[in-house]
Amino acid sequence: MSELSQGAYLAWRLAAGETVRTLHPCIEKEFVLIGLCGLGRWLRSKAQGENAPLKGQALRAVSTEAQAIEERTAQTWRGDCAPQHGVQGVFSTC
């Protein structure tokens, strides 16, 4: 079994947090999408300063992943990732 990249691991953690926040019993695909879309925002809010959780090569790798996700979602949804209130609708059209 292959390991997750640091960006995928962080997106999974964000998905888990969304699952807990909504009191859902398990991580669903909608929460994974929210985690992926939130990766760049998380980096911008947490990756600054002396106490940053990621530094050096790890920060660059996750930043690259987050940027790729944001660029792809901007092309797909022409804006800020998936509509936050319409994540279920995004999956129902796939």
Protein backbone atom coordinates (compact mmCIF):
# COMPACT_ATOMS: atom_id res chain seq x y z
CA MET A 1 0.00 0.00 0.00
CA SER A 2 1.45 3.35 -0.98
CA GLU A 3 1.71 6.20 1.46
CA LEU A 4 -0.11 9.47 1.06
CA SER A 5 1.75 12.62 0.11
CA GLN A 6 1.92 15.26 2.82
CA GLY A 7 -0.70 17.32 0.99
CA ALA A 8 -3.06 14.36 0.71
CA TYR A 9 -2.50 13.52 4.36
CA LEU A 10 -3.33 17.10 5.41
CA ALA A 11 -6.41 17.15 3.15
CA TRP A 12 -7.51 13.87 4.79
CA ARG A 13 -7.03 15.45 8.23
CA LEU A 14 -9.12 18.44 7.15
CA ALA A 15 -11.79 16.03 5.89
CA ALA A 16 -11.73 14.24 9.24
CA GLY A 17 -12.15 17.57 11.01
CA GLU A 18 -15.16 18.40 8.85
CA THR A 19 -16.60 14.98 9.64
CA VAL A 20 -16.25 15.60 13.37
CA ARG A 21 -17.62 19.13 13.04
CA THR A 22 -20.78 17.84 11.37
CA LEU A 23 -21.11 14.88 13.75
CA HIS A 24 -21.12 12.48 10.82
CA PRO A 25 -20.13 8.89 11.62
CA CYS A 26 -17.57 8.54 8.80
CA ILE A 27 -15.54 10.50 6.26
CA GLU A 28 -17.58 10.76 3.07
CA LYS A 29 -16.39 11.88 -0.36
CA GLU A 30 -17.92 15.31 0.20
CA PHE A 31 -15.67 15.82 3.22
CA VAL A 32 -12.63 14.76 1.21
CA LEU A 33 -13.49 17.40 -1.40
CA ILE A 34 -13.84 20.00 1.34
CA GLY A 35 -10.45 18.91 2.72
CA LEU A 36 -8.80 19.18 -0.69
CA CYS A 37 -10.33 22.58 -1.31
CA GLY A 38 -9.32 23.77 2.15
CA LEU A 39 -5.67 22.77 1.82
CA GLY A 40 -4.50 26.07 0.33
CA ARG A 41 -6.51 28.09 2.83
CA TRP A 42 -5.03 26.04 5.68
CA LEU A 43 -1.52 26.68 4.38
CA ARG A 44 -2.09 30.40 4.10
CA SER A 45 -3.38 30.58 7.66
CA LYS A 46 -0.97 28.15 9.39
CA ALA A 47 2.24 28.02 7.38
CA GLN A 48 3.62 31.38 8.43
CA GLY A 49 6.12 32.24 11.10
CA GLU A 50 8.32 30.49 13.57
CA ASN A 51 5.67 28.03 14.78
CA ALA A 52 4.67 26.89 11.31
CA PRO A 53 3.89 23.16 11.24
CA LEU A 54 5.66 22.72 7.88
CA LYS A 55 9.04 24.06 6.84
CA GLY A 56 11.47 23.79 3.97
CA GLN A 57 10.92 21.00 1.48
CA ALA A 58 7.72 19.79 3.16
CA LEU A 59 6.18 23.26 2.93
CA ARG A 60 7.19 23.58 -0.72
CA ALA A 61 5.76 20.15 -1.57
CA VAL A 62 2.41 20.82 0.10
CA SER A 63 2.26 24.32 -1.40
CA THR A 64 2.80 22.84 -4.86
CA GLU A 65 0.00 20.33 -4.30
CA ALA A 66 -2.36 22.98 -2.95
CA GLN A 67 -1.62 25.28 -5.88
CA ALA A 68 -2.28 22.48 -8.38
CA ILE A 69 -5.62 21.71 -6.69
CA GLU A 70 -6.61 25.38 -6.68
CA GLU A 71 -5.66 25.83 -10.33
CA ARG A 72 -7.59 22.74 -11.38
CA THR A 73 -10.68 23.64 -9.39
CA ALA A 74 -10.57 27.22 -10.69
CA GLN A 75 -10.65 25.82 -14.23
CA THR A 76 -13.47 23.45 -13.35
CA TRP A 77 -15.68 25.72 -11.24
CA ARG A 78 -14.42 29.09 -12.43
CA GLY A 79 -13.83 30.42 -8.96
CA ASP A 80 -13.29 29.42 -5.39
CA CYS A 81 -13.20 25.60 -5.40
CA ALA A 82 -16.59 23.89 -5.12
CA PRO A 83 -19.57 25.86 -3.95
CA GLN A 84 -19.33 25.34 -0.17
CA HIS A 85 -23.07 24.90 0.22
CA GLY A 86 -23.42 22.70 -2.84
CA VAL A 87 -20.82 19.99 -2.38
CA GLN A 88 -23.46 17.26 -2.50
CA GLY A 89 -24.70 18.68 -5.78
CA VAL A 90 -21.21 18.61 -7.24
CA PHE A 91 -20.97 14.89 -6.60
CA SER A 92 -24.47 14.14 -7.86
CA THR A 93 -23.53 15.58 -11.26
CA CYS A 94 -20.28 13.59 -11.59
